[in-house]
Amino acid sequence: MISEELVRRAGGPTLRIGRRMLFVAVRLAAYDKRITDQTWRGLDAGRKELLLPLREDRRLRDAAAHVTKFNLTQTKTNAYVSELLAESGEAPNVRLTAPLLMGRMKKIHESLSGAAVLKKVRALQEELDVAERKALAGEIDKVREVLTAIAREVRGR
């Protein structure tokens, strides 16, 4: 099978790319063959990849036109695709593994723990007006709620 040969070669000296990138490249090549619209063809591979969850040629073409028209960054393109999927009732494809979740938790902990951070927060608190303090406290509450829900799920309660 041709894909097995590509995967075999991807690990060797002739084609040094990972399995995931190989399959993304093959999918993009297939869409490039079918979608002849210049807005699609003009997009970089990174933003094209972000559009792939839309699956249908027409949706991909329309989304490519939107991304190009508004010159969306990859972050904004990702948000745009999530919005389109939500509008059509499709659940976003969430990629999350235990090591990835653990890494994120460690980064949060490392970046926010310690006396130096609390000292800086005290200094910031004096600089913020009432509306800014209220908005920041609201965001902290949202993060706390999400982390509580995640902890509850991990513990199985």
Protein backbone atom coordinates (compact mmCIF):
# COMPACT_ATOMS: atom_id res chain seq x y z
CA MET A 1 0.00 0.00 0.00
CA ILE A 2 1.30 3.46 -0.90
CA SER A 3 0.61 5.04 2.51
CA GLU A 4 2.61 2.30 4.26
CA GLU A 5 5.55 3.03 1.97
CA LEU A 6 5.28 6.74 2.72
CA VAL A 7 5.21 6.06 6.45
CA ARG A 8 8.17 3.68 6.15
CA ARG A 9 10.16 6.30 4.22
CA ALA A 10 9.14 9.07 6.63
CA GLY A 11 11.19 7.40 9.34
CA GLY A 12 14.23 6.99 7.12
CA PRO A 13 16.85 9.33 5.75
CA THR A 14 14.97 10.10 2.53
CA LEU A 15 11.90 11.75 4.04
CA ARG A 16 12.26 13.13 7.56
CA ILE A 17 8.78 14.07 8.68
CA GLY A 18 6.54 12.62 11.34
CA ARG A 19 3.58 10.34 10.72
CA ARG A 20 1.02 13.03 11.60
CA MET A 21 2.58 15.64 9.34
CA LEU A 22 2.75 13.08 6.55
CA PHE A 23 -0.99 12.39 6.73
CA VAL A 24 -1.80 16.11 6.98
CA ALA A 25 0.33 16.73 3.87
CA VAL A 26 -1.47 13.97 1.97
CA ARG A 27 -4.88 15.35 2.98
CA LEU A 28 -3.86 18.87 1.96
CA ALA A 29 -2.58 17.58 -1.37
CA ALA A 30 -5.90 15.84 -2.00
CA TYR A 31 -7.86 19.01 -1.26
CA ASP A 32 -5.43 21.06 -3.36
CA LYS A 33 -6.19 18.75 -6.27
CA ARG A 34 -9.97 19.13 -5.86
CA ILE A 35 -10.25 22.78 -4.81
CA THR A 36 -8.95 24.96 -7.60
CA ASP A 37 -10.04 28.23 -6.01
CA GLN A 38 -7.14 30.70 -5.67
CA THR A 39 -8.06 31.71 -2.12
CA TRP A 40 -7.63 28.09 -1.01
CA ARG A 41 -4.42 27.66 -2.97
CA GLY A 42 -3.03 30.93 -1.64
CA LEU A 43 -3.29 29.91 2.00
CA ASP A 44 -0.26 28.59 3.83
CA ALA A 45 -0.27 24.96 4.92
CA GLY A 46 -0.70 25.86 8.60
CA ARG A 47 -3.99 27.70 8.08
CA LYS A 48 -5.17 25.09 5.56
CA GLU A 49 -4.59 22.43 8.20
CA LEU A 50 -6.70 24.41 10.67
CA LEU A 51 -9.55 24.44 8.13
CA LEU A 52 -9.53 20.65 7.61
CA PRO A 53 -12.19 19.91 10.28
CA LEU A 54 -14.72 21.62 7.96
CA ARG A 55 -14.32 18.59 5.63
CA GLU A 56 -16.58 19.72 2.75
CA ASP A 57 -15.03 21.41 -0.29
CA ARG A 58 -17.58 24.25 -0.30
CA ARG A 59 -17.06 24.98 3.41
CA LEU A 60 -13.30 24.86 2.98
CA ARG A 61 -13.47 27.24 0.01
CA ASP A 62 -15.76 29.69 1.86
CA ALA A 63 -13.62 29.57 4.99
CA ALA A 64 -10.45 30.10 2.97
CA ALA A 65 -12.04 33.19 1.41
CA HIS A 66 -12.94 34.52 4.88
CA VAL A 67 -9.49 33.81 6.30
CA THR A 68 -7.84 35.50 3.33
CA LYS A 69 -10.20 38.49 3.27
CA PHE A 70 -9.61 39.28 6.93
CA ASN A 71 -5.99 38.05 6.96
CA LEU A 72 -6.66 35.91 10.03
CA THR A 73 -3.76 34.61 12.08
CA GLN A 74 -3.57 30.91 12.90
CA THR A 75 -5.04 31.58 16.34
CA LYS A 76 -7.97 33.52 14.88
CA THR A 77 -8.40 30.95 12.11
CA ASN A 78 -8.67 28.23 14.74
CA ALA A 79 -11.28 30.26 16.64
CA TYR A 80 -13.18 30.89 13.40
CA VAL A 81 -13.29 27.16 12.58
CA SER A 82 -14.46 26.36 16.12
CA GLU A 83 -17.22 28.95 15.72
CA LEU A 84 -18.32 27.48 12.38
CA LEU A 85 -18.39 23.96 13.83
CA ALA A 86 -20.38 25.14 16.86
CA GLU A 87 -22.91 26.92 14.61
CA SER A 88 -23.49 23.71 12.69
CA GLY A 89 -23.81 21.67 15.88
CA GLU A 90 -20.56 19.78 15.39
CA ALA A 91 -18.46 19.16 18.46
CA PRO A 92 -14.92 20.49 18.25
CA ASN A 93 -12.20 17.88 17.97
CA VAL A 94 -10.41 18.06 21.32
CA ARG A 95 -6.95 16.52 21.44
CA LEU A 96 -5.95 15.86 24.99
CA THR A 97 -3.76 13.19 26.51
CA ALA A 98 -2.83 12.59 30.12
CA PRO A 99 0.78 13.79 29.59
CA LEU A 100 -0.45 16.93 27.81
CA LEU A 101 -2.91 17.71 30.60
CA MET A 102 -0.23 17.06 33.21
CA GLY A 103 2.16 19.38 31.37
CA ARG A 104 -0.42 22.15 31.24
CA MET A 105 -1.15 21.81 34.94
CA LYS A 106 2.57 21.96 35.77
CA LYS A 107 3.02 25.09 33.65
CA ILE A 108 0.11 26.81 35.37
CA HIS A 109 1.45 25.85 38.77
CA GLU A 110 5.04 26.90 37.99
CA SER A 111 4.01 30.23 36.48
CA LEU A 112 1.67 31.24 39.31
CA SER A 113 3.17 29.80 42.47
CA GLY A 114 5.67 31.39 44.79
CA ALA A 115 6.09 34.44 46.97
CA ALA A 116 7.39 36.61 44.10
CA VAL A 117 4.16 36.13 42.14
CA LEU A 118 2.00 37.01 45.14
CA LYS A 119 4.13 40.10 45.78
CA LYS A 120 3.65 41.20 42.17
CA VAL A 121 -0.11 40.54 42.38
CA ARG A 122 -0.29 42.77 45.48
CA ALA A 123 1.49 45.53 43.56
CA LEU A 124 -0.82 45.07 40.56
CA GLN A 125 -3.87 45.13 42.78
CA GLU A 126 -3.02 48.68 43.83
CA GLU A 127 -2.63 49.75 40.17
CA LEU A 128 -5.95 48.33 38.96
CA ASP A 129 -9.18 50.28 39.09
CA VAL A 130 -12.31 48.67 40.48
CA ALA A 131 -13.60 47.46 37.07
CA GLU A 132 -10.24 45.87 36.17
CA ARG A 133 -10.00 44.14 39.57
CA LYS A 134 -13.53 42.82 39.17
CA ALA A 135 -12.82 41.55 35.64
CA LEU A 136 -9.59 39.86 36.75
CA ALA A 137 -11.30 38.25 39.75
CA GLY A 138 -14.02 36.98 37.40
CA GLU A 139 -11.44 35.36 35.12
CA ILE A 140 -9.76 33.76 38.13
CA ASP A 141 -13.12 32.37 39.23
CA LYS A 142 -13.70 30.91 35.75
CA VAL A 143 -10.29 29.20 35.82
CA ARG A 144 -11.01 27.86 39.32
CA GLU A 145 -14.35 26.42 38.15
CA VAL A 146 -12.72 24.71 35.15
CA LEU A 147 -9.91 23.27 37.27
CA THR A 148 -12.42 22.06 39.87
CA ALA A 149 -14.44 20.30 37.16
CA ILE A 150 -11.28 18.73 35.68
CA ALA A 151 -10.14 17.56 39.13
CA ARG A 152 -13.57 16.07 39.80
CA GLU A 153 -13.41 14.12 36.51
CA VAL A 154 -9.86 12.91 37.12
CA ARG A 155 -10.81 11.70 40.59
CA GLY A 156 -13.90 9.99 39.20
CA ARG A 157 -16.50 11.88 41.25
